[in-house]
Amino acid sequence: MSPEDFDRLQSLLASRAGYRLTRDRMKLAEHRLGPLARREGYETVDALLAALWAKPVAGLGWAVIEALLNPETWFRRDRATFDTFARELMPALAAARGGQPIRVWSAGCSTGQEAWSLAMSARDAGFEIEIVATDLCQRALEKARVGAYTGFEIQRGLRAETMLTWFDQAEENWIARPQLRSMVHFARANLLDAPADDTRFDVIFCRHVLSDMDPAQRVQVLDNLERRLVDDGCLFLGPDESLSGDSVAFRAVAGRKGLFVKAPAALKRAA
């Protein structure tokens, strides 16, 4: 891959998806685009990119973007987050909502492990929730919808008891059971896009997403998240992610890494 091709990839990823592609990831980018080039019938990554630059096609452009995204995730990643969600946040929200289901958005859900983890945590704690799980990568969403995971994937974060309770073994895969699947709706969404409707959520999980984004685009995403969160709702980021200098819409909750609520300025603006 030439430096010129990499520069154009950087611009494509930043403008369409908001993500930064730093120079030290050139080799990684070429490695990730290799399988896509073969699937699309090109002998090399250079040939794939030459075709894209010569005749920009939306479908191929998005396929390139998706191939460059970081899909890594696992069940109950940052376990303390799910403990806070199930043991502290859910009881408070359930009491405040008077028995209405809690609406949760898993933004940047990748292959679905976070969404299933939320569903299991809530159901194990005795609460009813409705989960919308979105991602930009269509291939990741296809896997998430199927709800099938290898032995390695299912054991990465889940105890044996939990695995046997919520998943059925089918040959070499473990499949999410119907009662779990009924709680989650998967859909494709770009976090840069303004909300298309008035749907709002009690809790938003957007973890390990913002840290890879361009600073200017990160502000835009946070503004979109603030619009989708109810005034007394909560936003979860990764435990090591902060919003310093990025947004005045949220403030951190003391003693709870990665947990944020709306700041007074955002509440005042909504009023």
C-alpha atoms as a PDB file:
ATOM      1  CA  MET A   1       0.000   0.000   0.000  1.00  0.00           C
ATOM      2  CA  SER A   2       1.413   3.370  -0.985  1.00  0.00           C
ATOM      3  CA  PRO A   3       1.470   6.364   1.387  1.00  0.00           C
ATOM      4  CA  GLU A   4      -0.911   8.113  -1.002  1.00  0.00           C
ATOM      5  CA  ASP A   5      -3.419   5.255  -0.782  1.00  0.00           C
ATOM      6  CA  PHE A   6      -3.161   5.289   2.994  1.00  0.00           C
ATOM      7  CA  ASP A   7      -3.814   9.054   3.096  1.00  0.00           C
ATOM      8  CA  ARG A   8      -6.968   8.554   1.061  1.00  0.00           C
ATOM      9  CA  LEU A   9      -8.040   5.736   3.357  1.00  0.00           C
ATOM     10  CA  GLN A  10      -7.571   8.048   6.329  1.00  0.00           C
ATOM     11  CA  SER A  11      -9.829  10.655   4.732  1.00  0.00           C
ATOM     12  CA  LEU A  12     -12.443   8.062   3.782  1.00  0.00           C
ATOM     13  CA  LEU A  13     -12.639   6.576   7.269  1.00  0.00           C
ATOM     14  CA  ALA A  14     -12.731   9.956   9.010  1.00  0.00           C
ATOM     15  CA  SER A  15     -15.362  11.540   6.767  1.00  0.00           C
ATOM     16  CA  ARG A  16     -17.746   8.572   6.579  1.00  0.00           C
ATOM     17  CA  ALA A  17     -17.351   6.995  10.027  1.00  0.00           C
ATOM     18  CA  GLY A  18     -15.429   9.524  12.131  1.00  0.00           C
ATOM     19  CA  TYR A  19     -12.535   7.186  12.932  1.00  0.00           C
ATOM     20  CA  ARG A  20      -8.836   7.994  12.957  1.00  0.00           C
ATOM     21  CA  LEU A  21      -6.429   5.761  11.086  1.00  0.00           C
ATOM     22  CA  THR A  22      -2.973   6.628  12.349  1.00  0.00           C
ATOM     23  CA  ARG A  23       0.166   6.166  10.264  1.00  0.00           C
ATOM     24  CA  ASP A  24       1.461   3.348  12.477  1.00  0.00           C
ATOM     25  CA  ARG A  25      -1.506   1.218  11.395  1.00  0.00           C
ATOM     26  CA  MET A  26      -0.629   1.080   7.697  1.00  0.00           C
ATOM     27  CA  LYS A  27       0.490  -2.560   7.838  1.00  0.00           C
ATOM     28  CA  LEU A  28      -2.552  -3.488   9.910  1.00  0.00           C
ATOM     29  CA  ALA A  29      -4.829  -1.776   7.391  1.00  0.00           C
ATOM     30  CA  GLU A  30      -3.262  -3.704   4.519  1.00  0.00           C
ATOM     31  CA  HIS A  31      -3.641  -6.963   6.468  1.00  0.00           C
ATOM     32  CA  ARG A  32      -7.343  -6.315   7.138  1.00  0.00           C
ATOM     33  CA  LEU A  33      -8.076  -5.356   3.539  1.00  0.00           C
ATOM     34  CA  GLY A  34      -6.471  -8.523   2.152  1.00  0.00           C
ATOM     35  CA  PRO A  35      -9.486 -10.827   2.722  1.00  0.00           C
ATOM     36  CA  LEU A  36     -11.829  -8.175   1.324  1.00  0.00           C
ATOM     37  CA  ALA A  37      -9.731  -7.849  -1.832  1.00  0.00           C
ATOM     38  CA  ARG A  38      -9.914 -11.613  -2.372  1.00  0.00           C
ATOM     39  CA  ARG A  39     -13.690 -11.711  -1.758  1.00  0.00           C
ATOM     40  CA  GLU A  40     -14.190  -8.907  -4.274  1.00  0.00           C
ATOM     41  CA  GLY A  41     -12.051 -10.641  -6.905  1.00  0.00           C
ATOM     42  CA  TYR A  42      -8.914  -8.473  -6.762  1.00  0.00           C
ATOM     43  CA  GLU A  43      -5.458  -9.999  -6.729  1.00  0.00           C
ATOM     44  CA  THR A  44      -4.008  -7.397  -4.356  1.00  0.00           C
ATOM     45  CA  VAL A  45      -5.052  -4.672  -1.950  1.00  0.00           C
ATOM     46  CA  ASP A  46      -3.483  -2.131  -4.303  1.00  0.00           C
ATOM     47  CA  ALA A  47      -5.766  -3.310  -7.097  1.00  0.00           C
ATOM     48  CA  LEU A  48      -8.799  -3.056  -4.820  1.00  0.00           C
ATOM     49  CA  LEU A  49      -7.956   0.520  -3.851  1.00  0.00           C
ATOM     50  CA  ALA A  50      -7.144   1.527  -7.423  1.00  0.00           C
ATOM     51  CA  ALA A  51     -10.602   0.359  -8.479  1.00  0.00           C
ATOM     52  CA  LEU A  52     -12.228   2.227  -5.612  1.00  0.00           C
ATOM     53  CA  TRP A  53     -10.442   5.497  -6.360  1.00  0.00           C
ATOM     54  CA  ALA A  54     -11.128   5.197 -10.108  1.00  0.00           C
ATOM     55  CA  LYS A  55     -14.846   4.585  -9.654  1.00  0.00           C
ATOM     56  CA  PRO A  56     -16.067   5.274  -6.117  1.00  0.00           C
ATOM     57  CA  VAL A  57     -18.895   2.856  -5.365  1.00  0.00           C
ATOM     58  CA  ALA A  58     -20.773   3.254  -2.103  1.00  0.00           C
ATOM     59  CA  GLY A  59     -20.989  -0.470  -1.448  1.00  0.00           C
ATOM     60  CA  LEU A  60     -17.285  -1.069  -1.951  1.00  0.00           C
ATOM     61  CA  GLY A  61     -16.379   2.052  -0.004  1.00  0.00           C
ATOM     62  CA  TRP A  62     -18.369   0.916   3.012  1.00  0.00           C
ATOM     63  CA  ALA A  63     -16.917  -2.588   2.732  1.00  0.00           C
ATOM     64  CA  VAL A  64     -13.430  -1.056   2.952  1.00  0.00           C
ATOM     65  CA  ILE A  65     -14.454   1.038   5.961  1.00  0.00           C
ATOM     66  CA  GLU A  66     -15.975  -1.957   7.740  1.00  0.00           C
ATOM     67  CA  ALA A  67     -12.844  -4.013   7.165  1.00  0.00           C
ATOM     68  CA  LEU A  68     -10.776  -1.332   8.912  1.00  0.00           C
ATOM     69  CA  LEU A  69     -12.937  -1.079  12.032  1.00  0.00           C
ATOM     70  CA  ASN A  70     -11.805  -2.764  15.242  1.00  0.00           C
ATOM     71  CA  PRO A  71     -14.336  -5.543  15.979  1.00  0.00           C
ATOM     72  CA  GLU A  72     -12.787  -6.832  19.212  1.00  0.00           C
ATOM     73  CA  THR A  73     -15.247  -7.511  22.002  1.00  0.00           C
ATOM     74  CA  TRP A  74     -16.131 -10.249  24.464  1.00  0.00           C
ATOM     75  CA  PHE A  75     -18.826 -11.218  26.938  1.00  0.00           C
ATOM     76  CA  ARG A  76     -19.094  -9.061  30.059  1.00  0.00           C
ATOM     77  CA  ARG A  77     -16.067  -7.022  29.090  1.00  0.00           C
ATOM     78  CA  ASP A  78     -15.169  -4.839  32.089  1.00  0.00           C
ATOM     79  CA  ARG A  79     -17.238  -7.000  34.444  1.00  0.00           C
ATOM     80  CA  ALA A  80     -17.631  -4.267  37.075  1.00  0.00           C
ATOM     81  CA  THR A  81     -19.652  -2.256  34.548  1.00  0.00           C
ATOM     82  CA  PHE A  82     -22.271  -4.986  34.303  1.00  0.00           C
ATOM     83  CA  ASP A  83     -22.379  -5.337  38.087  1.00  0.00           C
ATOM     84  CA  THR A  84     -23.111  -1.618  38.401  1.00  0.00           C
ATOM     85  CA  PHE A  85     -25.738  -1.865  35.684  1.00  0.00           C
ATOM     86  CA  ALA A  86     -27.613  -4.834  37.193  1.00  0.00           C
ATOM     87  CA  ARG A  87     -27.205  -4.256  40.930  1.00  0.00           C
ATOM     88  CA  GLU A  88     -27.396  -0.466  41.227  1.00  0.00           C
ATOM     89  CA  LEU A  89     -28.768   1.144  38.101  1.00  0.00           C
ATOM     90  CA  MET A  90     -31.523  -1.298  37.175  1.00  0.00           C
ATOM     91  CA  PRO A  91     -33.296  -1.244  40.570  1.00  0.00           C
ATOM     92  CA  ALA A  92     -33.269   2.564  40.608  1.00  0.00           C
ATOM     93  CA  LEU A  93     -34.562   2.859  37.044  1.00  0.00           C
ATOM     94  CA  ALA A  94     -37.201   0.167  37.532  1.00  0.00           C
ATOM     95  CA  ALA A  95     -38.565   2.035  40.535  1.00  0.00           C
ATOM     96  CA  ALA A  96     -38.549   5.330  38.628  1.00  0.00           C
ATOM     97  CA  ARG A  97     -40.276   3.834  35.573  1.00  0.00           C
ATOM     98  CA  GLY A  98     -43.115   2.240  37.514  1.00  0.00           C
ATOM     99  CA  GLY A  99     -42.809  -1.189  35.947  1.00  0.00           C
ATOM    100  CA  GLN A 100     -42.245  -0.053  32.370  1.00  0.00           C
ATOM    101  CA  PRO A 101     -39.437  -1.890  30.529  1.00  0.00           C
ATOM    102  CA  ILE A 102     -36.058  -0.193  30.652  1.00  0.00           C
ATOM    103  CA  ARG A 103     -34.822   0.838  27.201  1.00  0.00           C
ATOM    104  CA  VAL A 104     -31.111   0.273  26.577  1.00  0.00           C
ATOM    105  CA  TRP A 105     -28.991   1.135  23.561  1.00  0.00           C
ATOM    106  CA  SER A 106     -25.772  -0.771  22.873  1.00  0.00           C
ATOM    107  CA  ALA A 107     -24.082   1.659  20.461  1.00  0.00           C
ATOM    108  CA  GLY A 108     -21.174   0.036  18.656  1.00  0.00           C
ATOM    109  CA  CYS A 109     -22.196  -3.510  19.576  1.00  0.00           C
ATOM    110  CA  SER A 110     -19.837  -5.270  17.138  1.00  0.00           C
ATOM    111  CA  THR A 111     -20.634  -9.013  17.065  1.00  0.00           C
ATOM    112  CA  GLY A 112     -23.207  -8.776  19.848  1.00  0.00           C
ATOM    113  CA  GLN A 113     -21.514  -9.956  23.027  1.00  0.00           C
ATOM    114  CA  GLU A 114     -22.232  -6.702  24.873  1.00  0.00           C
ATOM    115  CA  ALA A 115     -25.944  -6.780  24.010  1.00  0.00           C
ATOM    116  CA  TRP A 116     -26.320 -10.391  25.123  1.00  0.00           C
ATOM    117  CA  SER A 117     -24.374  -9.609  28.304  1.00  0.00           C
ATOM    118  CA  LEU A 118     -26.795  -6.791  29.121  1.00  0.00           C
ATOM    119  CA  ALA A 119     -29.779  -9.041  28.488  1.00  0.00           C
ATOM    120  CA  MET A 120     -28.375 -11.785  30.724  1.00  0.00           C
ATOM    121  CA  SER A 121     -27.464  -9.359  33.497  1.00  0.00           C
ATOM    122  CA  ALA A 122     -30.924  -7.802  33.540  1.00  0.00           C
ATOM    123  CA  ARG A 123     -32.835 -11.077  33.352  1.00  0.00           C
ATOM    124  CA  ASP A 124     -30.666 -12.709  36.050  1.00  0.00           C
ATOM    125  CA  ALA A 125     -31.441  -9.714  38.285  1.00  0.00           C
ATOM    126  CA  GLY A 126     -35.181 -10.024  37.571  1.00  0.00           C
ATOM    127  CA  PHE A 127     -35.684  -6.962  35.368  1.00  0.00           C
ATOM    128  CA  GLU A 128     -37.327  -6.562  31.979  1.00  0.00           C
ATOM    129  CA  ILE A 129     -35.401  -4.525  29.428  1.00  0.00           C
ATOM    130  CA  GLU A 130     -35.598  -3.778  25.723  1.00  0.00           C
ATOM    131  CA  ILE A 131     -32.237  -3.574  23.984  1.00  0.00           C
ATOM    132  CA  VAL A 132     -31.449  -1.936  20.672  1.00  0.00           C
ATOM    133  CA  ALA A 133     -27.948  -2.902  19.527  1.00  0.00           C
ATOM    134  CA  THR A 134     -26.380  -1.068  16.601  1.00  0.00           C
ATOM    135  CA  ASP A 135     -23.121  -1.110  14.714  1.00  0.00           C
ATOM    136  CA  LEU A 136     -21.679   0.297  11.517  1.00  0.00           C
ATOM    137  CA  CYS A 137     -20.291  -3.043  10.337  1.00  0.00           C
ATOM    138  CA  GLN A 138     -22.856  -5.168   8.504  1.00  0.00           C
ATOM    139  CA  ARG A 139     -20.758  -8.350   8.749  1.00  0.00           C
ATOM    140  CA  ALA A 140     -20.491  -7.963  12.534  1.00  0.00           C
ATOM    141  CA  LEU A 141     -24.255  -7.458  12.768  1.00  0.00           C
ATOM    142  CA  GLU A 142     -24.922 -10.600  10.738  1.00  0.00           C
ATOM    143  CA  LYS A 143     -22.981 -12.613  13.310  1.00  0.00           C
ATOM    144  CA  ALA A 144     -24.714 -10.810  16.178  1.00  0.00           C
ATOM    145  CA  ARG A 145     -28.187 -11.558  14.795  1.00  0.00           C
ATOM    146  CA  VAL A 146     -27.384 -15.251  14.446  1.00  0.00           C
ATOM    147  CA  GLY A 147     -26.173 -15.265  18.050  1.00  0.00           C
ATOM    148  CA  ALA A 148     -23.742 -18.142  17.432  1.00  0.00           C
ATOM    149  CA  TYR A 149     -20.316 -18.225  19.069  1.00  0.00           C
ATOM    150  CA  THR A 150     -17.391 -20.615  19.100  1.00  0.00           C
ATOM    151  CA  GLY A 151     -16.227 -22.355  22.242  1.00  0.00           C
ATOM    152  CA  PHE A 152     -13.433 -19.813  22.595  1.00  0.00           C
ATOM    153  CA  GLU A 153     -15.791 -16.847  22.172  1.00  0.00           C
ATOM    154  CA  ILE A 154     -18.437 -18.145  24.573  1.00  0.00           C
ATOM    155  CA  GLN A 155     -15.900 -18.880  27.307  1.00  0.00           C
ATOM    156  CA  ARG A 156     -14.271 -15.478  26.958  1.00  0.00           C
ATOM    157  CA  GLY A 157     -16.089 -13.705  29.753  1.00  0.00           C
ATOM    158  CA  LEU A 158     -18.825 -16.194  30.678  1.00  0.00           C
ATOM    159  CA  ARG A 159     -18.827 -18.671  33.532  1.00  0.00           C
ATOM    160  CA  ALA A 160     -19.871 -22.226  32.710  1.00  0.00           C
ATOM    161  CA  GLU A 161     -23.168 -21.891  34.622  1.00  0.00           C
ATOM    162  CA  THR A 162     -24.151 -18.747  32.712  1.00  0.00           C
ATOM    163  CA  MET A 163     -23.139 -20.289  29.409  1.00  0.00           C
ATOM    164  CA  LEU A 164     -25.293 -23.362  29.993  1.00  0.00           C
ATOM    165  CA  THR A 165     -28.260 -21.273  31.178  1.00  0.00           C
ATOM    166  CA  TRP A 166     -28.473 -18.927  28.206  1.00  0.00           C
ATOM    167  CA  PHE A 167     -26.926 -20.784  25.266  1.00  0.00           C
ATOM    168  CA  ASP A 168     -27.563 -24.103  23.516  1.00  0.00           C
ATOM    169  CA  GLN A 169     -24.735 -26.090  21.987  1.00  0.00           C
ATOM    170  CA  ALA A 170     -25.081 -26.856  18.290  1.00  0.00           C
ATOM    171  CA  GLU A 171     -22.098 -28.833  17.001  1.00  0.00           C
ATOM    172  CA  GLU A 172     -19.094 -26.530  17.557  1.00  0.00           C
ATOM    173  CA  ASN A 173     -21.114 -23.367  18.264  1.00  0.00           C
ATOM    174  CA  TRP A 174     -23.168 -22.030  21.150  1.00  0.00           C
ATOM    175  CA  ILE A 175     -26.467 -20.365  20.178  1.00  0.00           C
ATOM    176  CA  ALA A 176     -28.315 -17.727  22.208  1.00  0.00           C
ATOM    177  CA  ARG A 177     -31.625 -19.102  23.466  1.00  0.00           C
ATOM    178  CA  PRO A 178     -34.967 -17.648  22.259  1.00  0.00           C
ATOM    179  CA  GLN A 179     -35.802 -15.979  25.584  1.00  0.00           C
ATOM    180  CA  LEU A 180     -32.534 -14.050  25.308  1.00  0.00           C
ATOM    181  CA  ARG A 181     -32.947 -13.259  21.616  1.00  0.00           C
ATOM    182  CA  SER A 182     -36.409 -11.787  22.206  1.00  0.00           C
ATOM    183  CA  MET A 183     -34.847  -9.008  24.290  1.00  0.00           C
ATOM    184  CA  VAL A 184     -32.482  -7.644  21.626  1.00  0.00           C
ATOM    185  CA  HIS A 185     -33.063  -5.931  18.287  1.00  0.00           C
ATOM    186  CA  PHE A 186     -30.011  -5.469  16.055  1.00  0.00           C
ATOM    187  CA  ALA A 187     -29.767  -2.727  13.434  1.00  0.00           C
ATOM    188  CA  ARG A 188     -27.133  -0.904  11.396  1.00  0.00           C
ATOM    189  CA  ALA A 189     -26.459   2.692  12.422  1.00  0.00           C
ATOM    190  CA  ASN A 190     -23.788   5.339  11.982  1.00  0.00           C
ATOM    191  CA  LEU A 191     -23.149   7.246  15.211  1.00  0.00           C
ATOM    192  CA  LEU A 192     -22.347  10.358  13.172  1.00  0.00           C
ATOM    193  CA  ASP A 193     -25.908  10.532  11.878  1.00  0.00           C
ATOM    194  CA  ALA A 194     -28.422  12.684  13.694  1.00  0.00           C
ATOM    195  CA  PRO A 195     -31.300  10.755  15.316  1.00  0.00           C
ATOM    196  CA  ALA A 196     -33.868   9.774  12.710  1.00  0.00           C
ATOM    197  CA  ASP A 197     -36.731   9.661  15.225  1.00  0.00           C
ATOM    198  CA  ASP A 198     -37.636  10.671  18.769  1.00  0.00           C
ATOM    199  CA  THR A 199     -36.721   7.347  20.393  1.00  0.00           C
ATOM    200  CA  ARG A 200     -34.889   7.883  23.678  1.00  0.00           C
ATOM    201  CA  PHE A 201     -33.141   5.455  25.972  1.00  0.00           C
ATOM    202  CA  ASP A 202     -32.778   5.067  29.723  1.00  0.00           C
ATOM    203  CA  VAL A 203     -29.232   3.737  29.400  1.00  0.00           C
ATOM    204  CA  ILE A 204     -26.708   4.007  26.581  1.00  0.00           C
ATOM    205  CA  PHE A 205     -23.594   1.853  26.321  1.00  0.00           C
ATOM    206  CA  CYS A 206     -21.007   3.313  23.936  1.00  0.00           C
ATOM    207  CA  ARG A 207     -17.839   1.676  25.215  1.00  0.00           C
ATOM    208  CA  HIS A 208     -14.426   1.494  23.563  1.00  0.00           C
ATOM    209  CA  VAL A 209     -15.769   3.418  20.578  1.00  0.00           C
ATOM    210  CA  LEU A 210     -14.950   7.089  21.081  1.00  0.00           C
ATOM    211  CA  SER A 211     -11.243   6.616  21.798  1.00  0.00           C
ATOM    212  CA  ASP A 212     -10.577   5.703  18.152  1.00  0.00           C
ATOM    213  CA  MET A 213     -12.527   8.629  16.747  1.00  0.00           C
ATOM    214  CA  ASP A 214     -11.354  11.943  15.369  1.00  0.00           C
ATOM    215  CA  PRO A 215     -11.770  14.611  18.109  1.00  0.00           C
ATOM    216  CA  ALA A 216     -14.157  16.767  16.083  1.00  0.00           C
ATOM    217  CA  GLN A 217     -16.315  13.797  15.144  1.00  0.00           C
ATOM    218  CA  ARG A 218     -16.277  12.581  18.740  1.00  0.00           C
ATOM    219  CA  VAL A 219     -17.995  15.796  19.823  1.00  0.00           C
ATOM    220  CA  GLN A 220     -20.673  15.233  17.185  1.00  0.00           C
ATOM    221  CA  VAL A 221     -21.270  11.666  18.363  1.00  0.00           C
ATOM    222  CA  LEU A 222     -21.584  12.770  21.984  1.00  0.00           C
ATOM    223  CA  ASP A 223     -24.130  15.396  20.978  1.00  0.00           C
ATOM    224  CA  ASN A 224     -26.163  12.701  19.201  1.00  0.00           C
ATOM    225  CA  LEU A 225     -25.933  10.411  22.239  1.00  0.00           C
ATOM    226  CA  GLU A 226     -27.122  13.211  24.525  1.00  0.00           C
ATOM    227  CA  ARG A 227     -30.218  13.723  22.367  1.00  0.00           C
ATOM    228  CA  ARG A 228     -31.085  10.019  22.584  1.00  0.00           C
ATOM    229  CA  LEU A 229     -30.678   9.765  26.377  1.00  0.00           C
ATOM    230  CA  VAL A 230     -33.550  10.584  28.750  1.00  0.00           C
ATOM    231  CA  ASP A 231     -32.773  13.361  31.226  1.00  0.00           C
ATOM    232  CA  ASP A 232     -32.333  11.005  34.184  1.00  0.00           C
ATOM    233  CA  GLY A 233     -30.559   8.328  32.149  1.00  0.00           C
ATOM    234  CA  CYS A 234     -26.970   7.114  32.202  1.00  0.00           C
ATOM    235  CA  LEU A 235     -24.194   6.784  29.652  1.00  0.00           C
ATOM    236  CA  PHE A 236     -21.533   4.090  29.951  1.00  0.00           C
ATOM    237  CA  LEU A 237     -18.171   4.540  28.269  1.00  0.00           C
ATOM    238  CA  GLY A 238     -15.144   2.302  28.720  1.00  0.00           C
ATOM    239  CA  PRO A 239     -13.689   2.486  32.261  1.00  0.00           C
ATOM    240  CA  ASP A 240     -10.561   4.230  30.962  1.00  0.00           C
ATOM    241  CA  GLU A 241     -12.390   6.615  28.623  1.00  0.00           C
ATOM    242  CA  SER A 242     -13.002  10.220  29.619  1.00  0.00           C
ATOM    243  CA  LEU A 243     -14.776  13.210  28.116  1.00  0.00           C
ATOM    244  CA  SER A 244     -12.213  15.808  29.131  1.00  0.00           C
ATOM    245  CA  GLY A 245     -12.524  18.688  26.680  1.00  0.00           C
ATOM    246  CA  ASP A 246     -14.940  16.785  24.424  1.00  0.00           C
ATOM    247  CA  SER A 247     -18.376  17.604  25.751  1.00  0.00           C
ATOM    248  CA  VAL A 248     -20.217  19.761  28.257  1.00  0.00           C
ATOM    249  CA  ALA A 249     -23.309  17.575  27.903  1.00  0.00           C
ATOM    250  CA  PHE A 250     -22.179  14.904  30.378  1.00  0.00           C
ATOM    251  CA  ARG A 251     -20.502  14.739  33.759  1.00  0.00           C
ATOM    252  CA  ALA A 252     -18.749  11.777  35.315  1.00  0.00           C
ATOM    253  CA  VAL A 253     -20.280   9.928  38.282  1.00  0.00           C
ATOM    254  CA  ALA A 254     -17.817   9.907  41.164  1.00  0.00           C
ATOM    255  CA  GLY A 255     -16.516   6.477  42.084  1.00  0.00           C
ATOM    256  CA  ARG A 256     -17.903   4.767  38.984  1.00  0.00           C
ATOM    257  CA  LYS A 257     -15.381   4.566  36.169  1.00  0.00           C
ATOM    258  CA  GLY A 258     -16.931   5.081  32.764  1.00  0.00           C
ATOM    259  CA  LEU A 259     -20.357   6.133  34.077  1.00  0.00           C
ATOM    260  CA  PHE A 260     -21.791   9.506  33.078  1.00  0.00           C
ATOM    261  CA  VAL A 261     -25.033  11.432  33.485  1.00  0.00           C
ATOM    262  CA  LYS A 262     -26.288  14.560  31.793  1.00  0.00           C
ATOM    263  CA  ALA A 263     -24.633  17.748  32.948  1.00  0.00           C
ATOM    264  CA  PRO A 264     -26.713  20.711  34.207  1.00  0.00           C
ATOM    265  CA  ALA A 265     -25.983  22.574  30.971  1.00  0.00           C
ATOM    266  CA  ALA A 266     -27.590  19.826  28.903  1.00  0.00           C
ATOM    267  CA  LEU A 267     -30.621  19.644  31.184  1.00  0.00           C
ATOM    268  CA  LYS A 268     -31.042  23.404  31.029  1.00  0.00           C
ATOM    269  CA  ARG A 269     -30.843  23.323  27.230  1.00  0.00           C
ATOM    270  CA  ALA A 270     -33.486  20.594  27.060  1.00  0.00           C
ATOM    271  CA  ALA A 271     -35.796  22.593  29.286  1.00  0.00           C
END
